[in-house]
Amino acid sequence: MDTRNNPIIIDARNGSRNNGSQAFGQTRSASSLLSQVLVITSVGFFTSAVGVYLAPVAAPAGMFWLYFIVTIGLIFAIRAARKTPALAFGLFLLLTLVMGFEIAPYINMLLHTGHSSAVFNAALTTAVGMAVLGMGAQIFTFDYQKVRNYAIAALFGLIIIGILGAFFHFVSPNVYSYLTLAIFSVLVVVDFKRVHQGGDGATAVELAVSIYLDGLNIFLALTQLFSGRRD
């Protein structure tokens, strides 16, 4: 099964409410919360870039699935540590580092097959696109919880298509990438709107995890599209 064409999507959504302390990582005013989330998310992307740089060019067989299992465990650990912000932030950094190792073989393959411009353009487009979508979420008014429910349902459908497609190859990588791009673009808007409305009880780290994973999946979809790969 080739996981490079349709990278396994990881997502984290948290709708819990918390009225606890207002320390770092806990919900505050919308503007303060947004600032925290943006800083944490930016540090996360930088840490993932470091992970890609440090990872071996050729990962041993089976390492992808080991990284995948570890990242799932770290997402749950971050939620469990929500009342200990420093620990949650440390786990977030570890998560983003492991994600860097996880995607490194795919990124290195692109860099070593003449698609370095696709990686750069995907990173730039992701950054600009998320900024535009984030601003849109601050400007426009909509029921983000209802949109979120539809987007999550579509995401589950996309995951099922990806798993089946890896075995039966009934959907092209580019079609899958366009679907990924559409769904996670909606989720970016939803997550930024959630931040704008106070976070719905989630901590800054938990919100950063969601936005980080949104951005990472958008980036991976764009690398597929910009590289023009059909295999």
C-alpha atoms as a PDB file:
ATOM      1  CA  MET A   1       0.000   0.000   0.000  1.00  0.00           C
ATOM      2  CA  ASP A   2       1.494   3.315  -1.072  1.00  0.00           C
ATOM      3  CA  THR A   3       0.817   5.975   1.548  1.00  0.00           C
ATOM      4  CA  ARG A   4       2.692   8.689  -0.317  1.00  0.00           C
ATOM      5  CA  ASN A   5      -0.024   9.345  -2.883  1.00  0.00           C
ATOM      6  CA  ASN A   6      -2.894   9.680  -0.415  1.00  0.00           C
ATOM      7  CA  PRO A   7      -1.230  10.591   2.898  1.00  0.00           C
ATOM      8  CA  ILE A   8      -3.193   9.402   5.904  1.00  0.00           C
ATOM      9  CA  ILE A   9      -5.137  12.317   7.306  1.00  0.00           C
ATOM     10  CA  ILE A  10      -4.809  13.043  10.988  1.00  0.00           C
ATOM     11  CA  ASP A  11      -7.269  15.384  12.595  1.00  0.00           C
ATOM     12  CA  ALA A  12      -8.065  16.564  16.093  1.00  0.00           C
ATOM     13  CA  ARG A  13     -11.294  18.260  17.086  1.00  0.00           C
ATOM     14  CA  ASN A  14     -12.247  19.124  20.617  1.00  0.00           C
ATOM     15  CA  GLY A  15     -15.607  20.534  21.618  1.00  0.00           C
ATOM     16  CA  SER A  16     -15.150  20.291  25.368  1.00  0.00           C
ATOM     17  CA  ARG A  17     -15.777  23.196  27.697  1.00  0.00           C
ATOM     18  CA  ASN A  18     -13.618  24.294  30.570  1.00  0.00           C
ATOM     19  CA  ASN A  19     -13.994  27.070  33.102  1.00  0.00           C
ATOM     20  CA  GLY A  20     -10.625  26.534  34.749  1.00  0.00           C
ATOM     21  CA  SER A  21      -7.625  28.818  35.185  1.00  0.00           C
ATOM     22  CA  GLN A  22      -6.616  31.424  32.640  1.00  0.00           C
ATOM     23  CA  ALA A  23      -2.955  30.404  32.530  1.00  0.00           C
ATOM     24  CA  PHE A  24      -1.002  29.983  29.289  1.00  0.00           C
ATOM     25  CA  GLY A  25      -2.873  27.541  27.092  1.00  0.00           C
ATOM     26  CA  GLN A  26      -6.296  28.281  28.586  1.00  0.00           C
ATOM     27  CA  THR A  27      -9.001  30.300  26.874  1.00  0.00           C
ATOM     28  CA  ARG A  28      -8.851  34.083  27.298  1.00  0.00           C
ATOM     29  CA  SER A  29     -10.209  36.987  25.291  1.00  0.00           C
ATOM     30  CA  ALA A  30     -10.589  36.318  21.579  1.00  0.00           C
ATOM     31  CA  SER A  31      -7.685  38.570  20.568  1.00  0.00           C
ATOM     32  CA  SER A  32      -5.363  37.179  23.217  1.00  0.00           C
ATOM     33  CA  LEU A  33      -6.380  33.629  22.363  1.00  0.00           C
ATOM     34  CA  LEU A  34      -5.815  34.231  18.653  1.00  0.00           C
ATOM     35  CA  SER A  35      -2.324  35.585  19.339  1.00  0.00           C
ATOM     36  CA  GLN A  36      -1.454  32.538  21.423  1.00  0.00           C
ATOM     37  CA  VAL A  37      -2.809  30.111  18.843  1.00  0.00           C
ATOM     38  CA  LEU A  38      -0.919  31.784  15.978  1.00  0.00           C
ATOM     39  CA  VAL A  39       2.371  31.756  17.891  1.00  0.00           C
ATOM     40  CA  ILE A  40       1.980  28.132  18.955  1.00  0.00           C
ATOM     41  CA  THR A  41       0.958  27.026  15.462  1.00  0.00           C
ATOM     42  CA  SER A  42       3.886  28.874  13.854  1.00  0.00           C
ATOM     43  CA  VAL A  43       6.328  27.246  16.264  1.00  0.00           C
ATOM     44  CA  GLY A  44       4.741  23.910  15.389  1.00  0.00           C
ATOM     45  CA  PHE A  45       5.297  24.347  11.658  1.00  0.00           C
ATOM     46  CA  PHE A  46       8.893  25.390  12.288  1.00  0.00           C
ATOM     47  CA  THR A  47       9.427  22.312  14.459  1.00  0.00           C
ATOM     48  CA  SER A  48       8.023  20.091  11.705  1.00  0.00           C
ATOM     49  CA  ALA A  49      10.449  21.660   9.228  1.00  0.00           C
ATOM     50  CA  VAL A  50      13.271  20.810  11.637  1.00  0.00           C
ATOM     51  CA  GLY A  51      11.933  17.258  11.828  1.00  0.00           C
ATOM     52  CA  VAL A  52      11.977  16.938   8.035  1.00  0.00           C
ATOM     53  CA  TYR A  53      15.554  18.226   7.982  1.00  0.00           C
ATOM     54  CA  LEU A  54      16.737  15.848  10.721  1.00  0.00           C
ATOM     55  CA  ALA A  55      14.928  12.758   9.443  1.00  0.00           C
ATOM     56  CA  PRO A  56      16.914  10.197   7.414  1.00  0.00           C
ATOM     57  CA  VAL A  57      16.384  10.448   3.665  1.00  0.00           C
ATOM     58  CA  ALA A  58      15.303   6.807   3.457  1.00  0.00           C
ATOM     59  CA  ALA A  59      13.159   5.697   6.399  1.00  0.00           C
ATOM     60  CA  PRO A  60      13.045   1.981   7.275  1.00  0.00           C
ATOM     61  CA  ALA A  61       9.974   0.080   6.136  1.00  0.00           C
ATOM     62  CA  GLY A  62       7.094   0.399   8.547  1.00  0.00           C
ATOM     63  CA  MET A  63       8.310   3.609  10.171  1.00  0.00           C
ATOM     64  CA  PHE A  64       5.424   5.595   8.692  1.00  0.00           C
ATOM     65  CA  TRP A  65       2.916   3.535  10.649  1.00  0.00           C
ATOM     66  CA  LEU A  66       4.981   3.795  13.814  1.00  0.00           C
ATOM     67  CA  TYR A  67       5.040   7.591  13.477  1.00  0.00           C
ATOM     68  CA  PHE A  68       1.314   7.575  12.724  1.00  0.00           C
ATOM     69  CA  ILE A  69       0.497   5.610  15.894  1.00  0.00           C
ATOM     70  CA  VAL A  70       2.760   7.870  17.963  1.00  0.00           C
ATOM     71  CA  THR A  71       1.074  11.027  16.628  1.00  0.00           C
ATOM     72  CA  ILE A  72      -2.370   9.667  17.490  1.00  0.00           C
ATOM     73  CA  GLY A  73      -1.150   8.929  21.001  1.00  0.00           C
ATOM     74  CA  LEU A  74       0.321  12.411  21.344  1.00  0.00           C
ATOM     75  CA  ILE A  75      -2.949  14.049  20.276  1.00  0.00           C
ATOM     76  CA  PHE A  76      -4.784  12.215  23.058  1.00  0.00           C
ATOM     77  CA  ALA A  77      -1.964  13.046  25.487  1.00  0.00           C
ATOM     78  CA  ILE A  78      -2.291  16.763  24.674  1.00  0.00           C
ATOM     79  CA  ARG A  79      -5.987  16.613  25.500  1.00  0.00           C
ATOM     80  CA  ALA A  80      -5.268  14.777  28.732  1.00  0.00           C
ATOM     81  CA  ALA A  81      -2.696  17.435  29.707  1.00  0.00           C
ATOM     82  CA  ARG A  82      -5.007  20.391  29.031  1.00  0.00           C
ATOM     83  CA  LYS A  83      -4.866  21.452  32.699  1.00  0.00           C
ATOM     84  CA  THR A  84      -1.063  21.509  32.606  1.00  0.00           C
ATOM     85  CA  PRO A  85      -0.321  24.041  29.828  1.00  0.00           C
ATOM     86  CA  ALA A  86       3.483  23.681  29.889  1.00  0.00           C
ATOM     87  CA  LEU A  87       3.228  19.906  29.483  1.00  0.00           C
ATOM     88  CA  ALA A  88       0.596  20.250  26.756  1.00  0.00           C
ATOM     89  CA  PHE A  89       2.845  22.666  24.865  1.00  0.00           C
ATOM     90  CA  GLY A  90       5.808  20.309  25.197  1.00  0.00           C
ATOM     91  CA  LEU A  91       3.705  17.437  23.870  1.00  0.00           C
ATOM     92  CA  PHE A  92       2.592  19.656  20.992  1.00  0.00           C
ATOM     93  CA  LEU A  93       6.210  20.329  20.047  1.00  0.00           C
ATOM     94  CA  LEU A  94       6.924  16.604  20.191  1.00  0.00           C
ATOM     95  CA  LEU A  95       3.865  15.953  18.019  1.00  0.00           C
ATOM     96  CA  THR A  96       4.993  18.422  15.359  1.00  0.00           C
ATOM     97  CA  LEU A  97       8.536  17.029  15.429  1.00  0.00           C
ATOM     98  CA  VAL A  98       7.242  13.486  14.906  1.00  0.00           C
ATOM     99  CA  MET A  99       4.980  14.741  12.107  1.00  0.00           C
ATOM    100  CA  GLY A 100       8.088  16.183  10.463  1.00  0.00           C
ATOM    101  CA  PHE A 101       9.717  12.748  10.599  1.00  0.00           C
ATOM    102  CA  GLU A 102       6.504  11.171   9.295  1.00  0.00           C
ATOM    103  CA  ILE A 103       6.245  13.317   6.162  1.00  0.00           C
ATOM    104  CA  ALA A 104      10.026  13.524   5.591  1.00  0.00           C
ATOM    105  CA  PRO A 105      10.261  10.571   3.139  1.00  0.00           C
ATOM    106  CA  TYR A 106       7.529  12.112   0.970  1.00  0.00           C
ATOM    107  CA  ILE A 107       9.068  15.600   1.080  1.00  0.00           C
ATOM    108  CA  ASN A 108      12.580  14.273   0.446  1.00  0.00           C
ATOM    109  CA  MET A 109      11.287  12.244  -2.487  1.00  0.00           C
ATOM    110  CA  LEU A 110       9.882  15.434  -4.027  1.00  0.00           C
ATOM    111  CA  LEU A 111      13.086  17.378  -3.340  1.00  0.00           C
ATOM    112  CA  HIS A 112      15.259  14.695  -4.916  1.00  0.00           C
ATOM    113  CA  THR A 113      13.083  14.191  -8.014  1.00  0.00           C
ATOM    114  CA  GLY A 114      13.092  17.764  -9.289  1.00  0.00           C
ATOM    115  CA  HIS A 115       9.997  18.996  -7.444  1.00  0.00           C
ATOM    116  CA  SER A 116      11.624  21.354  -4.952  1.00  0.00           C
ATOM    117  CA  SER A 117       9.638  24.269  -6.419  1.00  0.00           C
ATOM    118  CA  ALA A 118       6.411  22.354  -5.718  1.00  0.00           C
ATOM    119  CA  VAL A 119       7.366  22.079  -2.042  1.00  0.00           C
ATOM    120  CA  PHE A 120       8.226  25.775  -1.808  1.00  0.00           C
ATOM    121  CA  ASN A 121       5.099  26.885  -3.674  1.00  0.00           C
ATOM    122  CA  ALA A 122       2.920  24.603  -1.561  1.00  0.00           C
ATOM    123  CA  ALA A 123       4.371  26.035   1.657  1.00  0.00           C
ATOM    124  CA  LEU A 124       3.904  29.614   0.445  1.00  0.00           C
ATOM    125  CA  THR A 125       0.367  28.987  -0.809  1.00  0.00           C
ATOM    126  CA  THR A 126      -0.561  27.284   2.441  1.00  0.00           C
ATOM    127  CA  ALA A 127       0.686  30.224   4.498  1.00  0.00           C
ATOM    128  CA  VAL A 128      -1.047  32.835   2.351  1.00  0.00           C
ATOM    129  CA  GLY A 129      -4.223  30.799   1.991  1.00  0.00           C
ATOM    130  CA  MET A 130      -4.546  30.175   5.712  1.00  0.00           C
ATOM    131  CA  ALA A 131      -4.009  33.871   6.403  1.00  0.00           C
ATOM    132  CA  VAL A 132      -6.780  34.816   3.969  1.00  0.00           C
ATOM    133  CA  LEU A 133      -9.139  32.146   5.315  1.00  0.00           C
ATOM    134  CA  GLY A 134      -8.351  33.218   8.867  1.00  0.00           C
ATOM    135  CA  MET A 135      -9.188  36.829   8.096  1.00  0.00           C
ATOM    136  CA  GLY A 136     -12.396  35.739   6.422  1.00  0.00           C
ATOM    137  CA  ALA A 137     -13.378  33.850   9.559  1.00  0.00           C
ATOM    138  CA  GLN A 138     -12.946  37.041  11.584  1.00  0.00           C
ATOM    139  CA  ILE A 139     -15.043  39.124   9.183  1.00  0.00           C
ATOM    140  CA  PHE A 140     -17.984  36.933   8.199  1.00  0.00           C
ATOM    141  CA  THR A 141     -20.660  35.658  10.548  1.00  0.00           C
ATOM    142  CA  PHE A 142     -21.909  32.079  10.310  1.00  0.00           C
ATOM    143  CA  ASP A 143     -22.855  29.150  12.523  1.00  0.00           C
ATOM    144  CA  TYR A 144     -19.436  27.536  12.721  1.00  0.00           C
ATOM    145  CA  GLN A 145     -20.701  24.560  14.713  1.00  0.00           C
ATOM    146  CA  LYS A 146     -23.156  23.578  11.979  1.00  0.00           C
ATOM    147  CA  VAL A 147     -20.522  24.032   9.250  1.00  0.00           C
ATOM    148  CA  ARG A 148     -18.064  22.088  11.407  1.00  0.00           C
ATOM    149  CA  ASN A 149     -20.453  19.136  11.647  1.00  0.00           C
ATOM    150  CA  TYR A 150     -20.811  18.993   7.866  1.00  0.00           C
ATOM    151  CA  ALA A 151     -17.052  19.309   7.384  1.00  0.00           C
ATOM    152  CA  ILE A 152     -16.304  16.556   9.916  1.00  0.00           C
ATOM    153  CA  ALA A 153     -18.782  14.253   8.164  1.00  0.00           C
ATOM    154  CA  ALA A 154     -17.076  14.996   4.845  1.00  0.00           C
ATOM    155  CA  LEU A 155     -13.687  14.347   6.477  1.00  0.00           C
ATOM    156  CA  PHE A 156     -14.741  10.909   7.680  1.00  0.00           C
ATOM    157  CA  GLY A 157     -15.941  10.150   4.161  1.00  0.00           C
ATOM    158  CA  LEU A 158     -12.608  11.307   2.771  1.00  0.00           C
ATOM    159  CA  ILE A 159     -10.702   9.070   5.195  1.00  0.00           C
ATOM    160  CA  ILE A 160     -12.779   6.063   4.118  1.00  0.00           C
ATOM    161  CA  ILE A 161     -12.156   6.894   0.447  1.00  0.00           C
ATOM    162  CA  GLY A 162      -8.431   7.214   1.158  1.00  0.00           C
ATOM    163  CA  ILE A 163      -8.220   3.859   2.910  1.00  0.00           C
ATOM    164  CA  LEU A 164     -10.217   2.052   0.228  1.00  0.00           C
ATOM    165  CA  GLY A 165      -8.386   3.898  -2.540  1.00  0.00           C
ATOM    166  CA  ALA A 166      -5.032   2.738  -1.203  1.00  0.00           C
ATOM    167  CA  PHE A 167      -6.114  -0.857  -1.839  1.00  0.00           C
ATOM    168  CA  PHE A 168      -8.424  -0.594  -4.863  1.00  0.00           C
ATOM    169  CA  HIS A 169      -7.033   2.531  -6.624  1.00  0.00           C
ATOM    170  CA  PHE A 170     -10.449   3.796  -7.707  1.00  0.00           C
ATOM    171  CA  VAL A 171      -9.653   7.476  -7.092  1.00  0.00           C
ATOM    172  CA  SER A 172      -6.736   9.384  -8.574  1.00  0.00           C
ATOM    173  CA  PRO A 173      -4.258  11.122  -6.230  1.00  0.00           C
ATOM    174  CA  ASN A 174      -5.131  14.510  -7.731  1.00  0.00           C
ATOM    175  CA  VAL A 175      -8.872  14.089  -7.175  1.00  0.00           C
ATOM    176  CA  TYR A 176      -8.185  13.010  -3.609  1.00  0.00           C
ATOM    177  CA  SER A 177      -5.918  16.032  -3.135  1.00  0.00           C
ATOM    178  CA  TYR A 178      -8.587  18.439  -4.403  1.00  0.00           C
ATOM    179  CA  LEU A 179     -11.098  16.907  -1.984  1.00  0.00           C
ATOM    180  CA  THR A 180      -8.573  17.186   0.851  1.00  0.00           C
ATOM    181  CA  LEU A 181      -7.867  20.801  -0.036  1.00  0.00           C
ATOM    182  CA  ALA A 182     -11.568  21.693  -0.083  1.00  0.00           C
ATOM    183  CA  ILE A 183     -12.456  19.992   3.198  1.00  0.00           C
ATOM    184  CA  PHE A 184      -9.504  21.282   5.178  1.00  0.00           C
ATOM    185  CA  SER A 185      -9.950  24.797   3.808  1.00  0.00           C
ATOM    186  CA  VAL A 186     -13.434  24.742   5.312  1.00  0.00           C
ATOM    187  CA  LEU A 187     -12.027  23.370   8.566  1.00  0.00           C
ATOM    188  CA  VAL A 188      -9.451  26.186   8.701  1.00  0.00           C
ATOM    189  CA  VAL A 189     -12.250  28.750   8.502  1.00  0.00           C
ATOM    190  CA  VAL A 190     -14.242  26.858  11.141  1.00  0.00           C
ATOM    191  CA  ASP A 191     -11.280  26.630  13.510  1.00  0.00           C
ATOM    192  CA  PHE A 192     -10.401  30.301  13.160  1.00  0.00           C
ATOM    193  CA  LYS A 193     -14.048  31.228  13.747  1.00  0.00           C
ATOM    194  CA  ARG A 194     -13.981  29.041  16.823  1.00  0.00           C
ATOM    195  CA  VAL A 195     -10.952  30.968  18.089  1.00  0.00           C
ATOM    196  CA  HIS A 196     -12.678  34.262  17.259  1.00  0.00           C
ATOM    197  CA  GLN A 197     -15.634  33.238  19.429  1.00  0.00           C
ATOM    198  CA  GLY A 198     -13.486  32.326  22.425  1.00  0.00           C
ATOM    199  CA  GLY A 199     -12.407  28.779  21.693  1.00  0.00           C
ATOM    200  CA  ASP A 200     -15.529  26.983  22.947  1.00  0.00           C
ATOM    201  CA  GLY A 201     -13.634  25.983  26.105  1.00  0.00           C
ATOM    202  CA  ALA A 202     -10.598  24.545  24.314  1.00  0.00           C
ATOM    203  CA  THR A 203      -7.097  25.631  25.294  1.00  0.00           C
ATOM    204  CA  ALA A 204      -4.784  27.542  22.976  1.00  0.00           C
ATOM    205  CA  VAL A 205      -2.686  24.409  22.495  1.00  0.00           C
ATOM    206  CA  GLU A 206      -5.706  22.296  21.563  1.00  0.00           C
ATOM    207  CA  LEU A 207      -6.844  24.918  19.060  1.00  0.00           C
ATOM    208  CA  ALA A 208      -3.313  25.146  17.667  1.00  0.00           C
ATOM    209  CA  VAL A 209      -3.286  21.371  17.147  1.00  0.00           C
ATOM    210  CA  SER A 210      -6.429  21.592  15.016  1.00  0.00           C
ATOM    211  CA  ILE A 211      -5.169  24.521  12.933  1.00  0.00           C
ATOM    212  CA  TYR A 212      -1.719  22.940  12.568  1.00  0.00           C
ATOM    213  CA  LEU A 213      -3.229  19.692  11.256  1.00  0.00           C
ATOM    214  CA  ASP A 214      -5.511  21.651   8.923  1.00  0.00           C
ATOM    215  CA  GLY A 215      -2.515  23.460   7.491  1.00  0.00           C
ATOM    216  CA  LEU A 216      -0.384  20.336   7.224  1.00  0.00           C
ATOM    217  CA  ASN A 217      -3.052  18.478   5.247  1.00  0.00           C
ATOM    218  CA  ILE A 218      -3.523  21.489   2.962  1.00  0.00           C
ATOM    219  CA  PHE A 219       0.244  21.619   2.411  1.00  0.00           C
ATOM    220  CA  LEU A 220       0.414  17.897   1.548  1.00  0.00           C
ATOM    221  CA  ALA A 221      -2.499  18.219  -0.870  1.00  0.00           C
ATOM    222  CA  LEU A 222      -0.860  21.181  -2.588  1.00  0.00           C
ATOM    223  CA  THR A 223       2.479  19.384  -2.964  1.00  0.00           C
ATOM    224  CA  GLN A 224       0.649  16.608  -4.808  1.00  0.00           C
ATOM    225  CA  LEU A 225      -1.097  19.090  -7.097  1.00  0.00           C
ATOM    226  CA  PHE A 226       1.899  21.329  -7.728  1.00  0.00           C
ATOM    227  CA  SER A 227       4.271  18.418  -8.399  1.00  0.00           C
ATOM    228  CA  GLY A 228       1.954  17.149 -11.119  1.00  0.00           C
ATOM    229  CA  ARG A 229       2.493  13.537 -10.050  1.00  0.00           C
ATOM    230  CA  ARG A 230      -0.025  11.047 -11.398  1.00  0.00           C
ATOM    231  CA  ASP A 231       1.266   7.851  -9.795  1.00  0.00           C
END
